[in-house]
Amino acid sequence: MKAAGAPQSVTCSSCGAVAATPPLTWMVEMDRRRGDVWVCDCCARDNLRAIESKLDRDWW
């Protein structure tokens, strides 16, 4: 039995890969409309430049 509030299985929003629990290598984006949006490590690596371009200028 999982603890209350424990994450359920997650699905990559890009490729559809499924994981029973969120692996540490996956990233999550908090979206007000869609809720948590998960991206697997392979898709994150493939789209790294697009991800970095969304960071605030103060980050750099």
PDB file of N, CA and C in Angstrom:
ATOM      1  N   MET A   1       0.835  -1.182   0.000  1.00  0.00           N
ATOM      2  CA  MET A   1       0.000   0.000   0.000  1.00  0.00           C
ATOM      3  C   MET A   1       0.879   1.246   0.000  1.00  0.00           C
ATOM      4  N   LYS A   2       0.552   2.187  -0.898  1.00  0.00           N
ATOM      5  CA  LYS A   2       1.333   3.415  -0.980  1.00  0.00           C
ATOM      6  C   LYS A   2       0.839   4.429   0.034  1.00  0.00           C
ATOM      7  N   ALA A   3       1.759   5.239   0.493  1.00  0.00           N
ATOM      8  CA  ALA A   3       1.405   6.284   1.456  1.00  0.00           C
ATOM      9  C   ALA A   3       0.561   7.348   0.767  1.00  0.00           C
ATOM     10  N   ALA A   4      -0.269   8.017   1.541  1.00  0.00           N
ATOM     11  CA  ALA A   4      -1.091   9.095   0.994  1.00  0.00           C
ATOM     12  C   ALA A   4      -0.181  10.161   0.398  1.00  0.00           C
ATOM     13  N   GLY A   5      -0.495  10.613  -0.785  1.00  0.00           N
ATOM     14  CA  GLY A   5       0.301  11.633  -1.446  1.00  0.00           C
ATOM     15  C   GLY A   5       1.500  11.089  -2.191  1.00  0.00           C
ATOM     16  N   ALA A   6       1.752   9.780  -2.125  1.00  0.00           N
ATOM     17  CA  ALA A   6       2.874   9.193  -2.859  1.00  0.00           C
ATOM     18  C   ALA A   6       2.564   9.217  -4.349  1.00  0.00           C
ATOM     19  N   PRO A   7       3.546   9.535  -5.186  1.00  0.00           N
ATOM     20  CA  PRO A   7       3.316   9.608  -6.620  1.00  0.00           C
ATOM     21  C   PRO A   7       2.906   8.251  -7.193  1.00  0.00           C
ATOM     22  N   GLN A   8       1.973   8.277  -8.102  1.00  0.00           N
ATOM     23  CA  GLN A   8       1.552   7.082  -8.818  1.00  0.00           C
ATOM     24  C   GLN A   8       2.458   6.932 -10.042  1.00  0.00           C
ATOM     25  N   SER A   9       2.102   6.051 -10.951  1.00  0.00           N
ATOM     26  CA  SER A   9       2.900   5.901 -12.159  1.00  0.00           C
ATOM     27  C   SER A   9       2.858   7.208 -12.952  1.00  0.00           C
ATOM     28  N   VAL A  10       3.925   7.475 -13.661  1.00  0.00           N
ATOM     29  CA  VAL A  10       4.027   8.706 -14.446  1.00  0.00           C
ATOM     30  C   VAL A  10       4.285   8.351 -15.902  1.00  0.00           C
ATOM     31  N   THR A  11       3.871   9.235 -16.796  1.00  0.00           N
ATOM     32  CA  THR A  11       4.032   9.042 -18.235  1.00  0.00           C
ATOM     33  C   THR A  11       4.756  10.242 -18.813  1.00  0.00           C
ATOM     34  N   CYS A  12       5.730   9.992 -19.680  1.00  0.00           N
ATOM     35  CA  CYS A  12       6.466  11.068 -20.344  1.00  0.00           C
ATOM     36  C   CYS A  12       5.516  11.783 -21.306  1.00  0.00           C
ATOM     37  N   SER A  13       5.454  13.096 -21.213  1.00  0.00           N
ATOM     38  CA  SER A  13       4.559  13.867 -22.065  1.00  0.00           C
ATOM     39  C   SER A  13       5.051  13.937 -23.503  1.00  0.00           C
ATOM     40  N   SER A  14       6.315  13.564 -23.748  1.00  0.00           N
ATOM     41  CA  SER A  14       6.856  13.613 -25.106  1.00  0.00           C
ATOM     42  C   SER A  14       6.757  12.285 -25.844  1.00  0.00           C
ATOM     43  N   CYS A  15       7.249  11.211 -25.213  1.00  0.00           N
ATOM     44  CA  CYS A  15       7.323   9.927 -25.924  1.00  0.00           C
ATOM     45  C   CYS A  15       6.345   8.888 -25.412  1.00  0.00           C
ATOM     46  N   GLY A  16       5.735   9.128 -24.259  1.00  0.00           N
ATOM     47  CA  GLY A  16       4.763   8.191 -23.717  1.00  0.00           C
ATOM     48  C   GLY A  16       5.351   7.085 -22.857  1.00  0.00           C
ATOM     49  N   ALA A  17       6.650   7.152 -22.550  1.00  0.00           N
ATOM     50  CA  ALA A  17       7.276   6.157 -21.671  1.00  0.00           C
ATOM     51  C   ALA A  17       6.593   6.196 -20.304  1.00  0.00           C
ATOM     52  N   VAL A  18       6.444   5.031 -19.682  1.00  0.00           N
ATOM     53  CA  VAL A  18       5.755   4.938 -18.399  1.00  0.00           C
ATOM     54  C   VAL A  18       6.720   4.398 -17.343  1.00  0.00           C
ATOM     55  N   ALA A  19       6.663   4.977 -16.146  1.00  0.00           N
ATOM     56  CA  ALA A  19       7.463   4.504 -15.014  1.00  0.00           C
ATOM     57  C   ALA A  19       6.528   4.320 -13.829  1.00  0.00           C
ATOM     58  N   ALA A  20       6.754   3.251 -13.058  1.00  0.00           N
ATOM     59  CA  ALA A  20       5.906   2.953 -11.904  1.00  0.00           C
ATOM     60  C   ALA A  20       5.965   4.068 -10.866  1.00  0.00           C
ATOM     61  N   THR A  21       7.143   4.594 -10.629  1.00  0.00           N
ATOM     62  CA  THR A  21       7.334   5.757  -9.762  1.00  0.00           C
ATOM     63  C   THR A  21       8.279   6.688 -10.504  1.00  0.00           C
ATOM     64  N   PRO A  22       8.211   7.980 -10.251  1.00  0.00           N
ATOM     65  CA  PRO A  22       9.072   8.918 -10.981  1.00  0.00           C
ATOM     66  C   PRO A  22      10.554   8.668 -10.703  1.00  0.00           C
ATOM     67  N   PRO A  23      11.332   8.275 -11.709  1.00  0.00           N
ATOM     68  CA  PRO A  23      12.771   8.103 -11.501  1.00  0.00           C
ATOM     69  C   PRO A  23      13.444   9.449 -11.206  1.00  0.00           C
ATOM     70  N   LEU A  24      14.554   9.413 -10.515  1.00  0.00           N
ATOM     71  CA  LEU A  24      15.279  10.647 -10.190  1.00  0.00           C
ATOM     72  C   LEU A  24      15.783  11.358 -11.431  1.00  0.00           C
ATOM     73  N   THR A  25      15.940  10.629 -12.536  1.00  0.00           N
ATOM     74  CA  THR A  25      16.479  11.229 -13.757  1.00  0.00           C
ATOM     75  C   THR A  25      15.419  11.930 -14.591  1.00  0.00           C
ATOM     76  N   TRP A  26      14.153  11.756 -14.272  1.00  0.00           N
ATOM     77  CA  TRP A  26      13.087  12.437 -15.002  1.00  0.00           C
ATOM     78  C   TRP A  26      12.912  13.835 -14.453  1.00  0.00           C
ATOM     79  N   MET A  27      12.370  14.740 -15.286  1.00  0.00           N
ATOM     80  CA  MET A  27      12.091  16.087 -14.807  1.00  0.00           C
ATOM     81  C   MET A  27      10.583  16.305 -14.797  1.00  0.00           C
ATOM     82  N   VAL A  28      10.160  17.223 -13.958  1.00  0.00           N
ATOM     83  CA  VAL A  28       8.730  17.533 -13.851  1.00  0.00           C
ATOM     84  C   VAL A  28       8.551  19.044 -13.965  1.00  0.00           C
ATOM     85  N   GLU A  29       7.528  19.432 -14.690  1.00  0.00           N
ATOM     86  CA  GLU A  29       7.177  20.844 -14.826  1.00  0.00           C
ATOM     87  C   GLU A  29       5.811  21.027 -14.171  1.00  0.00           C
ATOM     88  N   MET A  30       5.691  22.022 -13.324  1.00  0.00           N
ATOM     89  CA  MET A  30       4.410  22.314 -12.678  1.00  0.00           C
ATOM     90  C   MET A  30       3.642  23.284 -13.573  1.00  0.00           C
ATOM     91  N   ASP A  31       2.529  22.833 -14.110  1.00  0.00           N
ATOM     92  CA  ASP A  31       1.703  23.644 -15.000  1.00  0.00           C
ATOM     93  C   ASP A  31       0.343  23.854 -14.345  1.00  0.00           C
ATOM     94  N   ARG A  32      -0.105  25.087 -14.292  1.00  0.00           N
ATOM     95  CA  ARG A  32      -1.380  25.384 -13.619  1.00  0.00           C
ATOM     96  C   ARG A  32      -2.559  24.715 -14.313  1.00  0.00           C
ATOM     97  N   ARG A  33      -2.533  24.634 -15.617  1.00  0.00           N
ATOM     98  CA  ARG A  33      -3.653  24.043 -16.353  1.00  0.00           C
ATOM     99  C   ARG A  33      -3.589  22.528 -16.409  1.00  0.00           C
ATOM    100  N   ARG A  34      -2.407  21.972 -16.650  1.00  0.00           N
ATOM    101  CA  ARG A  34      -2.278  20.527 -16.868  1.00  0.00           C
ATOM    102  C   ARG A  34      -1.812  19.764 -15.638  1.00  0.00           C
ATOM    103  N   GLY A  35      -1.415  20.458 -14.604  1.00  0.00           N
ATOM    104  CA  GLY A  35      -0.864  19.775 -13.431  1.00  0.00           C
ATOM    105  C   GLY A  35       0.605  19.447 -13.668  1.00  0.00           C
ATOM    106  N   ASP A  36       1.086  18.364 -13.068  1.00  0.00           N
ATOM    107  CA  ASP A  36       2.485  17.962 -13.230  1.00  0.00           C
ATOM    108  C   ASP A  36       2.690  17.351 -14.616  1.00  0.00           C
ATOM    109  N   VAL A  37       3.673  17.858 -15.345  1.00  0.00           N
ATOM    110  CA  VAL A  37       4.007  17.349 -16.671  1.00  0.00           C
ATOM    111  C   VAL A  37       5.391  16.702 -16.577  1.00  0.00           C
ATOM    112  N   TRP A  38       5.450  15.387 -16.775  1.00  0.00           N
ATOM    113  CA  TRP A  38       6.689  14.632 -16.634  1.00  0.00           C
ATOM    114  C   TRP A  38       7.371  14.441 -17.980  1.00  0.00           C
ATOM    115  N   VAL A  39       8.714  14.503 -17.992  1.00  0.00           N
ATOM    116  CA  VAL A  39       9.518  14.263 -19.191  1.00  0.00           C
ATOM    117  C   VAL A  39      10.639  13.304 -18.810  1.00  0.00           C
ATOM    118  N   CYS A  40      10.772  12.211 -19.567  1.00  0.00           N
ATOM    119  CA  CYS A  40      11.802  11.214 -19.265  1.00  0.00           C
ATOM    120  C   CYS A  40      13.193  11.769 -19.574  1.00  0.00           C
ATOM    121  N   ASP A  41      14.211  11.110 -19.053  1.00  0.00           N
ATOM    122  CA  ASP A  41      15.582  11.595 -19.216  1.00  0.00           C
ATOM    123  C   ASP A  41      16.014  11.620 -20.678  1.00  0.00           C
ATOM    124  N   CYS A  42      15.582  10.666 -21.480  1.00  0.00           N
ATOM    125  CA  CYS A  42      15.963  10.646 -22.906  1.00  0.00           C
ATOM    126  C   CYS A  42      15.388  11.853 -23.642  1.00  0.00           C
ATOM    127  N   CYS A  43      14.109  12.133 -23.437  1.00  0.00           N
ATOM    128  CA  CYS A  43      13.469  13.284 -24.090  1.00  0.00           C
ATOM    129  C   CYS A  43      14.052  14.598 -23.569  1.00  0.00           C
ATOM    130  N   ALA A  44      14.352  14.657 -22.275  1.00  0.00           N
ATOM    131  CA  ALA A  44      14.943  15.868 -21.702  1.00  0.00           C
ATOM    132  C   ALA A  44      16.296  16.150 -22.351  1.00  0.00           C
ATOM    133  N   ARG A  45      17.120  15.106 -22.518  1.00  0.00           N
ATOM    134  CA  ARG A  45      18.422  15.293 -23.168  1.00  0.00           C
ATOM    135  C   ARG A  45      18.249  15.738 -24.619  1.00  0.00           C
ATOM    136  N   ASP A  46      17.283  15.142 -25.315  1.00  0.00           N
ATOM    137  CA  ASP A  46      17.055  15.487 -26.720  1.00  0.00           C
ATOM    138  C   ASP A  46      16.570  16.921 -26.896  1.00  0.00           C
ATOM    139  N   ASN A  47      15.931  17.475 -25.877  1.00  0.00           N
ATOM    140  CA  ASN A  47      15.337  18.812 -25.976  1.00  0.00           C
ATOM    141  C   ASN A  47      15.971  19.808 -25.017  1.00  0.00           C
ATOM    142  N   LEU A  48      17.216  19.579 -24.647  1.00  0.00           N
ATOM    143  CA  LEU A  48      17.885  20.406 -23.649  1.00  0.00           C
ATOM    144  C   LEU A  48      17.941  21.882 -24.047  1.00  0.00           C
ATOM    145  N   ARG A  49      18.226  22.195 -25.300  1.00  0.00           N
ATOM    146  CA  ARG A  49      18.331  23.598 -25.710  1.00  0.00           C
ATOM    147  C   ARG A  49      16.993  24.315 -25.539  1.00  0.00           C
ATOM    148  N   ALA A  50      15.904  23.670 -25.861  1.00  0.00           N
ATOM    149  CA  ALA A  50      14.582  24.284 -25.688  1.00  0.00           C
ATOM    150  C   ALA A  50      14.284  24.504 -24.209  1.00  0.00           C
ATOM    151  N   ILE A  51      14.694  23.560 -23.364  1.00  0.00           N
ATOM    152  CA  ILE A  51      14.479  23.689 -21.928  1.00  0.00           C
ATOM    153  C   ILE A  51      15.287  24.870 -21.380  1.00  0.00           C
ATOM    154  N   GLU A  52      16.552  24.959 -21.774  1.00  0.00           N
ATOM    155  CA  GLU A  52      17.408  26.041 -21.285  1.00  0.00           C
ATOM    156  C   GLU A  52      16.908  27.409 -21.737  1.00  0.00           C
ATOM    157  N   SER A  53      16.332  27.492 -22.918  1.00  0.00           N
ATOM    158  CA  SER A  53      15.871  28.786 -23.430  1.00  0.00           C
ATOM    159  C   SER A  53      14.689  29.326 -22.622  1.00  0.00           C
ATOM    160  N   LYS A  54      14.003  28.466 -21.865  1.00  0.00           N
ATOM    161  CA  LYS A  54      12.872  28.912 -21.045  1.00  0.00           C
ATOM    162  C   LYS A  54      13.283  29.405 -19.672  1.00  0.00           C
ATOM    163  N   LEU A  55      14.571  29.238 -19.313  1.00  0.00           N
ATOM    164  CA  LEU A  55      15.042  29.688 -18.010  1.00  0.00           C
ATOM    165  C   LEU A  55      15.131  31.211 -17.969  1.00  0.00           C
ATOM    166  N   ASP A  56      14.885  31.782 -16.804  1.00  0.00           N
ATOM    167  CA  ASP A  56      15.014  33.224 -16.641  1.00  0.00           C
ATOM    168  C   ASP A  56      16.435  33.669 -16.911  1.00  0.00           C
ATOM    169  N   ARG A  57      16.579  34.876 -17.392  1.00  0.00           N
ATOM    170  CA  ARG A  57      17.903  35.423 -17.698  1.00  0.00           C
ATOM    171  C   ARG A  57      18.777  35.457 -16.434  1.00  0.00           C
ATOM    172  N   ASP A  58      18.158  35.644 -15.267  1.00  0.00           N
ATOM    173  CA  ASP A  58      18.899  35.689 -14.003  1.00  0.00           C
ATOM    174  C   ASP A  58      19.595  34.371 -13.711  1.00  0.00           C
ATOM    175  N   TRP A  59      19.090  33.268 -14.246  1.00  0.00           N
ATOM    176  CA  TRP A  59      19.690  31.959 -14.033  1.00  0.00           C
ATOM    177  C   TRP A  59      21.131  31.939 -14.555  1.00  0.00           C
ATOM    178  N   TRP A  60      21.355  32.594 -15.652  1.00  0.00           N
ATOM    179  CA  TRP A  60      22.677  32.578 -16.290  1.00  0.00           C
ATOM    180  C   TRP A  60      23.532  33.671 -15.692  1.00  0.00           C
TER     181      TRP A  60
END
